[in-house]
Every structure is written in structure tokens, then in C-alpha cells.
C-alpha atoms as a PDB file:
ATOM      1  CA  MET A   1     -47.020  -2.456  29.675  1.00  0.00           C
ATOM      2  CA  LYS A   2     -44.426  -1.565  27.109  1.00  0.00           C
ATOM      3  CA  VAL A   3     -41.511   0.592  28.046  1.00  0.00           C
ATOM      4  CA  ARG A   4     -39.916   2.568  25.275  1.00  0.00           C
ATOM      5  CA  ALA A   5     -37.060   4.978  25.570  1.00  0.00           C
ATOM      6  CA  LYS A   6     -35.859   6.554  22.354  1.00  0.00           C
ATOM      7  CA  ARG A   7     -32.701   8.549  22.429  1.00  0.00           C
ATOM      8  CA  ARG A   8     -33.349  12.287  22.339  1.00  0.00           C
ATOM      9  CA  ASP A   9     -31.163  14.879  20.682  1.00  0.00           C
ATOM     10  CA  ASN A  10     -27.940  15.527  22.619  1.00  0.00           C
ATOM     11  CA  GLU A  11     -28.787  12.825  25.195  1.00  0.00           C
ATOM     12  CA  THR A  12     -26.056  10.583  26.533  1.00  0.00           C
ATOM     13  CA  THR A  13     -26.527   6.842  26.815  1.00  0.00           C
ATOM     14  CA  GLU A  14     -26.293   7.127  30.607  1.00  0.00           C
ATOM     15  CA  LYS A  15     -29.243   9.506  30.722  1.00  0.00           C
ATOM     16  CA  LEU A  16     -31.152   7.246  28.357  1.00  0.00           C
ATOM     17  CA  MET A  17     -30.520   4.230  30.594  1.00  0.00           C
ATOM     18  CA  ASN A  18     -31.528   6.183  33.707  1.00  0.00           C
ATOM     19  CA  ARG A  19     -34.758   7.288  32.038  1.00  0.00           C
ATOM     20  CA  PHE A  20     -35.500   3.688  31.066  1.00  0.00           C
ATOM     21  CA  LYS A  21     -34.824   2.492  34.621  1.00  0.00           C
ATOM     22  CA  LYS A  22     -37.139   5.137  36.052  1.00  0.00           C
ATOM     23  CA  GLN A  23     -39.920   4.095  33.686  1.00  0.00           C
ATOM     24  CA  THR A  24     -39.600   0.431  34.686  1.00  0.00           C
ATOM     25  CA  GLN A  25     -39.523   1.352  38.376  1.00  0.00           C
ATOM     26  CA  HIS A  26     -42.558   3.571  37.954  1.00  0.00           C
ATOM     27  CA  LEU A  27     -44.512   0.706  36.384  1.00  0.00           C
ATOM     28  CA  ARG A  28     -43.139  -1.750  38.998  1.00  0.00           C
ATOM     29  CA  LEU A  29     -42.136  -4.154  36.246  1.00  0.00           C
ATOM     30  CA  VAL A  30     -39.045  -5.387  38.070  1.00  0.00           C
ATOM     31  CA  ASP A  31     -41.091  -6.391  41.119  1.00  0.00           C
ATOM     32  CA  LEU A  32     -43.653  -8.101  38.920  1.00  0.00           C
ATOM     33  CA  VAL A  33     -41.025 -10.106  37.056  1.00  0.00           C
ATOM     34  CA  ARG A  34     -39.304 -11.136  40.281  1.00  0.00           C
ATOM     35  CA  ARG A  35     -42.589 -12.300  41.798  1.00  0.00           C
ATOM     36  CA  LYS A  36     -43.546 -14.304  38.719  1.00  0.00           C
ATOM     37  CA  LYS A  37     -40.096 -15.845  38.374  1.00  0.00           C
ATOM     38  CA  HIS A  38     -40.944 -18.633  40.828  1.00  0.00           C
ATOM     39  CA  TRP A  39     -44.355 -20.179  41.287  1.00  0.00           C
ATOM     40  CA  ARG A  40     -45.850 -19.701  44.732  1.00  0.00           C
ATOM     41  CA  GLN A  41     -48.909 -21.391  46.065  1.00  0.00           C
ATOM     42  CA  ALA A  42     -51.691 -19.048  47.103  1.00  0.00           C
ATOM     43  CA  PRO A  43     -52.043 -18.702  50.876  1.00  0.00           C
ATOM     44  CA  SER A  44     -54.925 -20.514  52.523  1.00  0.00           C
ATOM     45  CA  LYS A  45     -57.580 -18.677  54.524  1.00  0.00           C
ATOM     46  CA  ARG A  46     -55.878 -19.836  57.711  1.00  0.00           C
ATOM     47  CA  GLN A  47     -52.509 -18.428  56.633  1.00  0.00           C
ATOM     48  CA  ILE A  48     -54.119 -15.110  55.670  1.00  0.00           C
ATOM     49  CA  ARG A  49     -55.871 -14.904  59.042  1.00  0.00           C
ATOM     50  CA  ILE A  50     -52.676 -15.676  60.979  1.00  0.00           C
ATOM     51  CA  ALA A  51     -50.700 -13.098  58.976  1.00  0.00           C
ATOM     52  CA  ALA A  52     -53.391 -10.491  59.656  1.00  0.00           C
ATOM     53  CA  LEU A  53     -53.303 -11.223  63.387  1.00  0.00           C
ATOM     54  CA  ILE A  54     -49.522 -10.912  63.483  1.00  0.00           C
ATOM     55  CA  LYS A  55     -49.633  -7.655  61.501  1.00  0.00           C
ATOM     56  CA  ASP A  56     -52.288  -6.288  63.870  1.00  0.00           C
ATOM     57  CA  LYS A  57     -50.190  -7.293  66.897  1.00  0.00           C
ATOM     58  CA  TYR A  58     -47.125  -5.441  65.608  1.00  0.00           C
ATOM     59  CA  ARG A  59     -49.225  -2.442  64.579  1.00  0.00           C
ATOM     60  CA  LYS A  60     -50.664  -2.137  68.095  1.00  0.00           C
ATOM     61  CA  GLN A  61     -47.192  -2.501  69.584  1.00  0.00           C
ATOM     62  CA  ARG A  62     -45.817   0.267  67.333  1.00  0.00           C
ATOM     63  CA  ARG A  63     -48.664   2.616  68.278  1.00  0.00           C
ATOM     64  CA  LYS A  64     -48.063   1.874  71.950  1.00  0.00           C
ATOM     65  CA  ASP A  65     -44.332   2.541  71.606  1.00  0.00           C
ATOM     66  CA  LEU A  66     -44.984   5.841  69.791  1.00  0.00           C
ATOM     67  CA  GLN A  67     -47.245   7.040  72.619  1.00  0.00           C
ATOM     68  CA  TYR A  68     -44.497   6.595  75.218  1.00  0.00           C
ATOM     69  CA  GLN A  69     -41.790   8.401  73.272  1.00  0.00           C
END
């Protein structure tokens, strides 16, 4: 996952930096680095199940609200 941005002919440094930023955003490198910055314990099966139930609850509520609009 290397990101290289060589300066093209008649390209300003601002455009070069913007191109580099777009490449890193496209590869989601910033998110990956931020996630790996601090160690997090993997969620247990119970935590995964509870999170799924909560997500399902909110999803049903959103669908219900959209029907009445």
C-alpha cells in the first residue's frame, strides 16, 4: 500500500498535495492508521450480539419513521 505522487510538469505543490491526499483517502490509509494507533481488545460474542440487536432496533425504527413521513 504505497502511495507515490511525483510532481508533474507545470503542477503546483498545492495540486500535488491534493492528489496525494486523494490517494490516501481512496486507500483509506488514514482510517487504518488511526485505528491501529491504539490497541483495542476484540469484542466478545456477547458484545457483538448486543451491538447487532441495537443496530437492528434502530434500523426498524428508521424504517417505521420513513413509512409515516
